[in-house]
C-alpha atoms as a PDB file:
ATOM      1  CA  MET A   1     -97.012  46.047  -4.673  1.00  0.00           C
ATOM      2  CA  GLN A   2     -99.403  45.325  -1.796  1.00  0.00           C
ATOM      3  CA  THR A   3     -98.111  46.304   1.650  1.00  0.00           C
ATOM      4  CA  LYS A   4    -100.839  44.915   3.788  1.00  0.00           C
ATOM      5  CA  THR A   5    -100.959  41.306   4.916  1.00  0.00           C
ATOM      6  CA  PRO A   6    -102.454  39.053   2.183  1.00  0.00           C
ATOM      7  CA  ASP A   7    -105.898  37.644   2.817  1.00  0.00           C
ATOM      8  CA  ALA A   8    -104.580  34.156   1.906  1.00  0.00           C
ATOM      9  CA  ILE A   9    -101.655  32.312   0.191  1.00  0.00           C
ATOM     10  CA  ALA A  10    -102.708  30.011  -2.683  1.00  0.00           C
ATOM     11  CA  GLU A  11    -101.170  27.348  -4.861  1.00  0.00           C
ATOM     12  CA  ILE A  12    -102.317  27.880  -8.445  1.00  0.00           C
ATOM     13  CA  LYS A  13    -102.079  25.701 -11.468  1.00  0.00           C
ATOM     14  CA  LEU A  14    -102.761  27.333 -14.826  1.00  0.00           C
ATOM     15  CA  LEU A  15    -104.420  25.147 -17.443  1.00  0.00           C
ATOM     16  CA  SER A  16    -102.225  24.494 -20.493  1.00  0.00           C
ATOM     17  CA  THR A  17    -103.152  26.119 -23.737  1.00  0.00           C
ATOM     18  CA  GLU A  18    -104.337  22.689 -25.007  1.00  0.00           C
ATOM     19  CA  GLU A  19    -106.623  22.332 -21.917  1.00  0.00           C
ATOM     20  CA  GLY A  20    -108.277  25.649 -22.798  1.00  0.00           C
ATOM     21  CA  GLY A  21    -106.085  27.916 -20.720  1.00  0.00           C
ATOM     22  CA  ARG A  22    -104.232  31.093 -21.607  1.00  0.00           C
ATOM     23  CA  SER A  23    -102.008  31.199 -24.715  1.00  0.00           C
ATOM     24  CA  HIS A  24     -99.266  33.166 -22.894  1.00  0.00           C
ATOM     25  CA  ALA A  25     -97.755  33.496 -19.454  1.00  0.00           C
ATOM     26  CA  ILE A  26     -98.878  35.779 -16.665  1.00  0.00           C
ATOM     27  CA  GLY A  27     -96.005  38.136 -16.532  1.00  0.00           C
ATOM     28  CA  MET A  28     -94.207  39.308 -13.484  1.00  0.00           C
ATOM     29  CA  LYS A  29     -95.830  42.674 -12.779  1.00  0.00           C
ATOM     30  CA  VAL A  30     -96.882  44.618  -9.650  1.00  0.00           C
ATOM     31  CA  GLN A  31    -100.197  42.919  -9.521  1.00  0.00           C
ATOM     32  CA  TYR A  32    -102.264  40.388 -11.545  1.00  0.00           C
ATOM     33  CA  GLY A  33    -106.009  40.726 -11.134  1.00  0.00           C
ATOM     34  CA  CYS A  34    -108.456  37.894 -11.815  1.00  0.00           C
ATOM     35  CA  PRO A  35    -111.886  36.896 -10.464  1.00  0.00           C
ATOM     36  CA  LEU A  36    -111.886  33.696  -8.456  1.00  0.00           C
ATOM     37  CA  LEU A  37    -114.791  31.288  -8.483  1.00  0.00           C
ATOM     38  CA  ILE A  38    -115.340  30.093  -4.935  1.00  0.00           C
ATOM     39  CA  ASP A  39    -118.474  28.115  -3.970  1.00  0.00           C
ATOM     40  CA  SER A  40    -120.267  29.220  -7.167  1.00  0.00           C
ATOM     41  CA  GLU A  41    -119.558  32.884  -6.536  1.00  0.00           C
ATOM     42  CA  TYR A  42    -117.047  35.214  -8.165  1.00  0.00           C
ATOM     43  CA  PHE A  43    -114.727  37.421  -6.135  1.00  0.00           C
ATOM     44  CA  ASP A  44    -112.183  39.996  -7.450  1.00  0.00           C
ATOM     45  CA  ALA A  45    -108.665  39.104  -6.326  1.00  0.00           C
ATOM     46  CA  ARG A  46    -105.110  40.318  -6.795  1.00  0.00           C
ATOM     47  CA  PHE A  47    -101.938  38.231  -6.907  1.00  0.00           C
ATOM     48  CA  ASN A  48     -98.214  39.011  -6.883  1.00  0.00           C
ATOM     49  CA  PHE A  49     -96.224  36.353  -8.699  1.00  0.00           C
ATOM     50  CA  SER A  50     -92.466  36.339  -8.032  1.00  0.00           C
ATOM     51  CA  SER A  51     -91.732  35.124 -11.596  1.00  0.00           C
ATOM     52  CA  PRO A  52     -93.782  34.721 -14.848  1.00  0.00           C
ATOM     53  CA  VAL A  53     -96.183  31.754 -14.835  1.00  0.00           C
ATOM     54  CA  SER A  54     -96.750  29.919 -18.100  1.00  0.00           C
ATOM     55  CA  PRO A  55     -99.786  27.904 -19.058  1.00  0.00           C
ATOM     56  CA  GLY A  56     -99.534  24.435 -17.447  1.00  0.00           C
ATOM     57  CA  GLU A  57     -97.288  25.696 -14.583  1.00  0.00           C
ATOM     58  CA  ILE A  58     -97.845  25.719 -10.841  1.00  0.00           C
ATOM     59  CA  ALA A  59     -97.131  28.814  -8.691  1.00  0.00           C
ATOM     60  CA  VAL A  60     -97.651  29.969  -5.133  1.00  0.00           C
ATOM     61  CA  SER A  61     -98.885  33.551  -4.529  1.00  0.00           C
ATOM     62  CA  PRO A  62    -100.322  35.815  -1.912  1.00  0.00           C
ATOM     63  CA  VAL A  63    -103.885  36.761  -2.555  1.00  0.00           C
ATOM     64  CA  TRP A  64    -105.725  39.984  -1.689  1.00  0.00           C
ATOM     65  CA  PHE A  65    -109.468  40.315  -2.248  1.00  0.00           C
ATOM     66  CA  LEU A  66    -111.096  43.611  -3.272  1.00  0.00           C
ATOM     67  CA  SER A  67    -114.027  42.856  -0.901  1.00  0.00           C
ATOM     68  CA  PRO A  68    -112.351  40.754   1.856  1.00  0.00           C
ATOM     69  CA  GLU A  69    -115.307  41.038   4.125  1.00  0.00           C
ATOM     70  CA  LEU A  70    -117.409  38.947   1.661  1.00  0.00           C
ATOM     71  CA  VAL A  71    -114.900  36.194   1.019  1.00  0.00           C
ATOM     72  CA  ILE A  72    -112.830  35.788   4.190  1.00  0.00           C
ATOM     73  CA  PRO A  73    -115.661  33.843   5.932  1.00  0.00           C
ATOM     74  CA  LYS A  74    -115.531  31.332   3.135  1.00  0.00           C
ATOM     75  CA  LEU A  75    -111.771  30.715   3.352  1.00  0.00           C
ATOM     76  CA  GLU A  76    -110.212  27.536   4.752  1.00  0.00           C
ATOM     77  CA  ILE A  77    -107.040  25.613   4.166  1.00  0.00           C
ATOM     78  CA  GLY A  78    -107.459  23.281   1.124  1.00  0.00           C
ATOM     79  CA  LYS A  79    -110.556  25.090  -0.170  1.00  0.00           C
ATOM     80  CA  GLN A  80    -110.428  24.978  -3.949  1.00  0.00           C
ATOM     81  CA  PHE A  81    -111.205  27.724  -6.430  1.00  0.00           C
ATOM     82  CA  SER A  82    -110.949  28.482 -10.177  1.00  0.00           C
ATOM     83  CA  LEU A  83    -109.449  31.519 -11.967  1.00  0.00           C
ATOM     84  CA  TRP A  84    -111.614  33.166 -14.532  1.00  0.00           C
ATOM     85  CA  GLU A  85    -110.676  35.379 -17.492  1.00  0.00           C
ATOM     86  CA  GLY A  86    -113.846  35.009 -19.608  1.00  0.00           C
ATOM     87  CA  LYS A  87    -113.341  31.308 -19.166  1.00  0.00           C
ATOM     88  CA  ILE A  88    -111.709  29.069 -16.605  1.00  0.00           C
ATOM     89  CA  ILE A  89    -107.885  29.422 -16.988  1.00  0.00           C
ATOM     90  CA  GLY A  90    -106.672  27.600 -13.892  1.00  0.00           C
ATOM     91  CA  HIS A  91    -107.460  26.135 -10.524  1.00  0.00           C
ATOM     92  CA  GLY A  92    -106.003  26.525  -7.110  1.00  0.00           C
ATOM     93  CA  ARG A  93    -106.356  25.907  -3.472  1.00  0.00           C
ATOM     94  CA  PHE A  94    -105.689  28.025  -0.335  1.00  0.00           C
ATOM     95  CA  ILE A  95    -102.590  26.737   1.499  1.00  0.00           C
ATOM     96  CA  GLU A  96    -102.320  29.387   4.179  1.00  0.00           C
ATOM     97  CA  ILE A  97    -104.726  31.851   5.759  1.00  0.00           C
ATOM     98  CA  PRO A  98    -102.985  34.446   7.930  1.00  0.00           C
ATOM     99  CA  GLU A  99    -104.272  34.755  11.441  1.00  0.00           C
ATOM    100  CA  ASN A 100    -105.100  38.468  11.154  1.00  0.00           C
ATOM    101  CA  THR A 101    -107.733  37.853   8.389  1.00  0.00           C
END
C-alpha cells in the first residue's frame, strides 16, 4: 500500500458490462494500476480501493501518478478523466487535491 500522500482523490464510475466496461470487478488488492486519459493525454496511475468495485458502480479512491511532475499541473477539482484498459472502462473526476502536491 502507498505510504506517501496521494496526488489526488477521485470519484470513479466504472462503465457497466453492457456499456462496454469490464466483465468483472476490480478486486480489493494492494494497488490497481490503470492509465488515465486527461486532456487527450494518458498518464499511468495507481489506486487503492477499500472494497471491490463492480462494473456500473461508483467508488472513491486515492490516486498516485507514476510521473506526478507531468500531471499535477493539470489537476483541479472537478476535472474529468477516463480510465483505460485497452478501451475506456470508466470515467471519473477529481474531488480533492492535497495541498502538498
